[in-house]
Amino acid sequence: MDGEGLHLDDAGCTWWGFARGGEGRYVLFGEDESSGVTWHEPPVDMLTGAPG
């Protein structure tokens, strides 16, 4: 954890971050390139149905 929030980068194919997204809101984001959905067609929108 640092001034940019909580995050991890394994220096390989996985990284993620957890950052403040406003008053009382946080966002978890990242990528695992070995995942079966990374190159999925059509792309998967992980925010579909999320609050504004």
PDB file of N, CA and C in Angstrom:
ATOM      1  N   MET A   1       0.846  -1.171   0.000  1.00  0.00           N
ATOM      2  CA  MET A   1       0.000   0.000   0.000  1.00  0.00           C
ATOM      3  C   MET A   1       0.892   1.235   0.000  1.00  0.00           C
ATOM      4  N   ASP A   2       0.526   2.212  -0.837  1.00  0.00           N
ATOM      5  CA  ASP A   2       1.276   3.459  -0.888  1.00  0.00           C
ATOM      6  C   ASP A   2       0.309   4.603  -1.178  1.00  0.00           C
ATOM      7  N   GLY A   3       0.798   5.735  -1.603  1.00  0.00           N
ATOM      8  CA  GLY A   3      -0.039   6.889  -1.886  1.00  0.00           C
ATOM      9  C   GLY A   3      -1.025   6.684  -3.020  1.00  0.00           C
ATOM     10  N   GLU A   4      -0.817   5.649  -3.819  1.00  0.00           N
ATOM     11  CA  GLU A   4      -1.715   5.355  -4.933  1.00  0.00           C
ATOM     12  C   GLU A   4      -2.729   4.270  -4.589  1.00  0.00           C
ATOM     13  N   GLY A   5      -2.672   3.749  -3.368  1.00  0.00           N
ATOM     14  CA  GLY A   5      -3.626   2.726  -2.953  1.00  0.00           C
ATOM     15  C   GLY A   5      -2.960   1.384  -2.740  1.00  0.00           C
ATOM     16  N   LEU A   6      -3.783   0.355  -2.646  1.00  0.00           N
ATOM     17  CA  LEU A   6      -3.322  -1.012  -2.446  1.00  0.00           C
ATOM     18  C   LEU A   6      -3.198  -1.677  -3.816  1.00  0.00           C
ATOM     19  N   HIS A   7      -2.060  -2.282  -4.102  1.00  0.00           N
ATOM     20  CA  HIS A   7      -1.869  -2.889  -5.422  1.00  0.00           C
ATOM     21  C   HIS A   7      -0.843  -4.010  -5.372  1.00  0.00           C
ATOM     22  N   LEU A   8      -0.857  -4.853  -6.408  1.00  0.00           N
ATOM     23  CA  LEU A   8       0.081  -5.960  -6.540  1.00  0.00           C
ATOM     24  C   LEU A   8       0.457  -6.109  -8.008  1.00  0.00           C
ATOM     25  N   ASP A   9       1.720  -6.327  -8.263  1.00  0.00           N
ATOM     26  CA  ASP A   9       2.205  -6.678  -9.607  1.00  0.00           C
ATOM     27  C   ASP A   9       3.211  -7.792  -9.411  1.00  0.00           C
ATOM     28  N   ASP A  10       2.905  -8.986  -9.913  1.00  0.00           N
ATOM     29  CA  ASP A  10       3.805 -10.117  -9.706  1.00  0.00           C
ATOM     30  C   ASP A  10       4.961 -10.143 -10.695  1.00  0.00           C
ATOM     31  N   ALA A  11       5.097  -9.071 -11.510  1.00  0.00           N
ATOM     32  CA  ALA A  11       6.157  -8.955 -12.517  1.00  0.00           C
ATOM     33  C   ALA A  11       6.060 -10.071 -13.553  1.00  0.00           C
ATOM     34  N   GLY A  12       4.910 -10.686 -13.626  1.00  0.00           N
ATOM     35  CA  GLY A  12       4.652 -11.733 -14.609  1.00  0.00           C
ATOM     36  C   GLY A  12       3.457 -11.336 -15.436  1.00  0.00           C
ATOM     37  N   CYS A  13       2.363 -12.029 -15.229  1.00  0.00           N
ATOM     38  CA  CYS A  13       1.176 -11.756 -16.045  1.00  0.00           C
ATOM     39  C   CYS A  13      -0.035 -11.363 -15.206  1.00  0.00           C
ATOM     40  N   THR A  14       0.156 -11.082 -13.922  1.00  0.00           N
ATOM     41  CA  THR A  14      -0.963 -10.735 -13.058  1.00  0.00           C
ATOM     42  C   THR A  14      -0.688  -9.425 -12.343  1.00  0.00           C
ATOM     43  N   TRP A  15      -1.694  -8.548 -12.349  1.00  0.00           N
ATOM     44  CA  TRP A  15      -1.605  -7.314 -11.563  1.00  0.00           C
ATOM     45  C   TRP A  15      -3.005  -6.911 -11.149  1.00  0.00           C
ATOM     46  N   TRP A  16      -3.125  -6.225 -10.051  1.00  0.00           N
ATOM     47  CA  TRP A  16      -4.408  -5.712  -9.614  1.00  0.00           C
ATOM     48  C   TRP A  16      -4.187  -4.491  -8.733  1.00  0.00           C
ATOM     49  N   GLY A  17      -5.229  -3.703  -8.601  1.00  0.00           N
ATOM     50  CA  GLY A  17      -5.198  -2.531  -7.745  1.00  0.00           C
ATOM     51  C   GLY A  17      -6.542  -2.329  -7.074  1.00  0.00           C
ATOM     52  N   PHE A  18      -6.529  -1.653  -5.950  1.00  0.00           N
ATOM     53  CA  PHE A  18      -7.725  -1.343  -5.190  1.00  0.00           C
ATOM     54  C   PHE A  18      -7.600   0.125  -4.826  1.00  0.00           C
ATOM     55  N   ALA A  19      -8.447   0.967  -5.394  1.00  0.00           N
ATOM     56  CA  ALA A  19      -8.297   2.403  -5.224  1.00  0.00           C
ATOM     57  C   ALA A  19      -9.606   3.057  -4.814  1.00  0.00           C
ATOM     58  N   ARG A  20      -9.490   4.158  -4.120  1.00  0.00           N
ATOM     59  CA  ARG A  20     -10.664   4.922  -3.729  1.00  0.00           C
ATOM     60  C   ARG A  20     -11.294   5.526  -4.977  1.00  0.00           C
ATOM     61  N   GLY A  21     -12.603   5.407  -5.083  1.00  0.00           N
ATOM     62  CA  GLY A  21     -13.305   5.918  -6.251  1.00  0.00           C
ATOM     63  C   GLY A  21     -14.314   6.991  -5.899  1.00  0.00           C
ATOM     64  N   GLY A  22     -14.155   7.636  -4.766  1.00  0.00           N
ATOM     65  CA  GLY A  22     -15.090   8.666  -4.329  1.00  0.00           C
ATOM     66  C   GLY A  22     -15.478   8.438  -2.889  1.00  0.00           C
ATOM     67  N   GLU A  23     -16.370   9.241  -2.388  1.00  0.00           N
ATOM     68  CA  GLU A  23     -16.799   9.158  -0.993  1.00  0.00           C
ATOM     69  C   GLU A  23     -17.385   7.784  -0.677  1.00  0.00           C
ATOM     70  N   GLY A  24     -16.671   7.006   0.122  1.00  0.00           N
ATOM     71  CA  GLY A  24     -17.157   5.695   0.531  1.00  0.00           C
ATOM     72  C   GLY A  24     -17.181   4.645  -0.562  1.00  0.00           C
ATOM     73  N   ARG A  25     -16.495   4.906  -1.695  1.00  0.00           N
ATOM     74  CA  ARG A  25     -16.505   3.955  -2.812  1.00  0.00           C
ATOM     75  C   ARG A  25     -15.074   3.559  -3.160  1.00  0.00           C
ATOM     76  N   TYR A  26     -14.916   2.305  -3.545  1.00  0.00           N
ATOM     77  CA  TYR A  26     -13.610   1.780  -3.927  1.00  0.00           C
ATOM     78  C   TYR A  26     -13.763   0.944  -5.187  1.00  0.00           C
ATOM     79  N   VAL A  27     -12.684   0.831  -5.941  1.00  0.00           N
ATOM     80  CA  VAL A  27     -12.697   0.080  -7.196  1.00  0.00           C
ATOM     81  C   VAL A  27     -11.574  -0.956  -7.157  1.00  0.00           C
ATOM     82  N   LEU A  28     -11.922  -2.195  -7.452  1.00  0.00           N
ATOM     83  CA  LEU A  28     -10.941  -3.267  -7.599  1.00  0.00           C
ATOM     84  C   LEU A  28     -10.785  -3.520  -9.094  1.00  0.00           C
ATOM     85  N   PHE A  29      -9.560  -3.504  -9.593  1.00  0.00           N
ATOM     86  CA  PHE A  29      -9.309  -3.663 -11.022  1.00  0.00           C
ATOM     87  C   PHE A  29      -8.016  -4.437 -11.221  1.00  0.00           C
ATOM     88  N   GLY A  30      -7.850  -5.027 -12.407  1.00  0.00           N
ATOM     89  CA  GLY A  30      -6.611  -5.732 -12.685  1.00  0.00           C
ATOM     90  C   GLY A  30      -6.728  -6.645 -13.881  1.00  0.00           C
ATOM     91  N   GLU A  31      -5.709  -7.495 -14.030  1.00  0.00           N
ATOM     92  CA  GLU A  31      -5.669  -8.404 -15.171  1.00  0.00           C
ATOM     93  C   GLU A  31      -4.826  -9.624 -14.841  1.00  0.00           C
ATOM     94  N   ASP A  32      -5.271 -10.747 -15.333  1.00  0.00           N
ATOM     95  CA  ASP A  32      -4.496 -11.986 -15.287  1.00  0.00           C
ATOM     96  C   ASP A  32      -4.430 -12.487 -16.721  1.00  0.00           C
ATOM     97  N   GLU A  33      -3.305 -12.275 -17.385  1.00  0.00           N
ATOM     98  CA  GLU A  33      -3.189 -12.606 -18.810  1.00  0.00           C
ATOM     99  C   GLU A  33      -3.346 -14.087 -19.090  1.00  0.00           C
ATOM    100  N   SER A  34      -3.221 -14.928 -18.072  1.00  0.00           N
ATOM    101  CA  SER A  34      -3.411 -16.360 -18.296  1.00  0.00           C
ATOM    102  C   SER A  34      -4.884 -16.752 -18.194  1.00  0.00           C
ATOM    103  N   SER A  35      -5.748 -15.791 -17.882  1.00  0.00           N
ATOM    104  CA  SER A  35      -7.181 -16.051 -17.766  1.00  0.00           C
ATOM    105  C   SER A  35      -7.789 -16.344 -19.132  1.00  0.00           C
ATOM    106  N   GLY A  36      -8.798 -17.179 -19.161  1.00  0.00           N
ATOM    107  CA  GLY A  36      -9.474 -17.520 -20.400  1.00  0.00           C
ATOM    108  C   GLY A  36     -10.328 -16.395 -20.961  1.00  0.00           C
ATOM    109  N   VAL A  37     -10.611 -15.348 -20.166  1.00  0.00           N
ATOM    110  CA  VAL A  37     -11.447 -14.250 -20.659  1.00  0.00           C
ATOM    111  C   VAL A  37     -10.637 -13.032 -21.102  1.00  0.00           C
ATOM    112  N   THR A  38      -9.312 -13.060 -20.935  1.00  0.00           N
ATOM    113  CA  THR A  38      -8.495 -11.906 -21.305  1.00  0.00           C
ATOM    114  C   THR A  38      -8.673 -11.537 -22.768  1.00  0.00           C
ATOM    115  N   TRP A  39      -8.690 -12.508 -23.629  1.00  0.00           N
ATOM    116  CA  TRP A  39      -8.786 -12.234 -25.071  1.00  0.00           C
ATOM    117  C   TRP A  39     -10.148 -12.670 -25.616  1.00  0.00           C
ATOM    118  N   HIS A  40     -11.163 -12.719 -24.749  1.00  0.00           N
ATOM    119  CA  HIS A  40     -12.503 -13.166 -25.133  1.00  0.00           C
ATOM    120  C   HIS A  40     -13.102 -12.238 -26.182  1.00  0.00           C
ATOM    121  N   GLU A  41     -13.772 -12.806 -27.183  1.00  0.00           N
ATOM    122  CA  GLU A  41     -14.482 -12.021 -28.202  1.00  0.00           C
ATOM    123  C   GLU A  41     -15.948 -12.387 -28.154  1.00  0.00           C
ATOM    124  N   PRO A  42     -16.839 -11.437 -28.000  1.00  0.00           N
ATOM    125  CA  PRO A  42     -16.593 -10.019 -27.771  1.00  0.00           C
ATOM    126  C   PRO A  42     -16.033  -9.808 -26.368  1.00  0.00           C
ATOM    127  N   PRO A  43     -15.363  -8.663 -26.141  1.00  0.00           N
ATOM    128  CA  PRO A  43     -14.784  -8.388 -24.823  1.00  0.00           C
ATOM    129  C   PRO A  43     -15.843  -8.438 -23.720  1.00  0.00           C
ATOM    130  N   VAL A  44     -15.433  -8.852 -22.533  1.00  0.00           N
ATOM    131  CA  VAL A  44     -16.319  -8.908 -21.378  1.00  0.00           C
ATOM    132  C   VAL A  44     -16.223  -7.584 -20.640  1.00  0.00           C
ATOM    133  N   ASP A  45     -17.363  -6.894 -20.485  1.00  0.00           N
ATOM    134  CA  ASP A  45     -17.393  -5.637 -19.729  1.00  0.00           C
ATOM    135  C   ASP A  45     -17.718  -5.967 -18.283  1.00  0.00           C
ATOM    136  N   MET A  46     -16.706  -5.927 -17.420  1.00  0.00           N
ATOM    137  CA  MET A  46     -16.879  -6.290 -16.027  1.00  0.00           C
ATOM    138  C   MET A  46     -17.712  -5.280 -15.241  1.00  0.00           C
ATOM    139  N   LEU A  47     -17.973  -4.111 -15.829  1.00  0.00           N
ATOM    140  CA  LEU A  47     -18.745  -3.078 -15.128  1.00  0.00           C
ATOM    141  C   LEU A  47     -20.209  -3.044 -15.537  1.00  0.00           C
ATOM    142  N   THR A  48     -20.631  -3.930 -16.423  1.00  0.00           N
ATOM    143  CA  THR A  48     -22.030  -3.968 -16.832  1.00  0.00           C
ATOM    144  C   THR A  48     -22.916  -4.188 -15.616  1.00  0.00           C
ATOM    145  N   GLY A  49     -23.874  -3.304 -15.425  1.00  0.00           N
ATOM    146  CA  GLY A  49     -24.787  -3.413 -14.298  1.00  0.00           C
ATOM    147  C   GLY A  49     -24.279  -2.805 -13.006  1.00  0.00           C
ATOM    148  N   ALA A  50     -23.067  -2.264 -13.024  1.00  0.00           N
ATOM    149  CA  ALA A  50     -22.512  -1.632 -11.813  1.00  0.00           C
ATOM    150  C   ALA A  50     -23.184  -0.265 -11.589  1.00  0.00           C
ATOM    151  N   PRO A  51     -23.225   0.176 -10.345  1.00  0.00           N
ATOM    152  CA  PRO A  51     -23.802   1.503 -10.092  1.00  0.00           C
ATOM    153  C   PRO A  51     -22.975   2.601 -10.755  1.00  0.00           C
ATOM    154  N   GLY A  52     -23.608   3.713 -11.068  1.00  0.00           N
ATOM    155  CA  GLY A  52     -22.949   4.843 -11.739  1.00  0.00           C
ATOM    156  C   GLY A  52     -21.840   5.479 -10.947  1.00  0.00           C
TER     157      GLY A  52
END
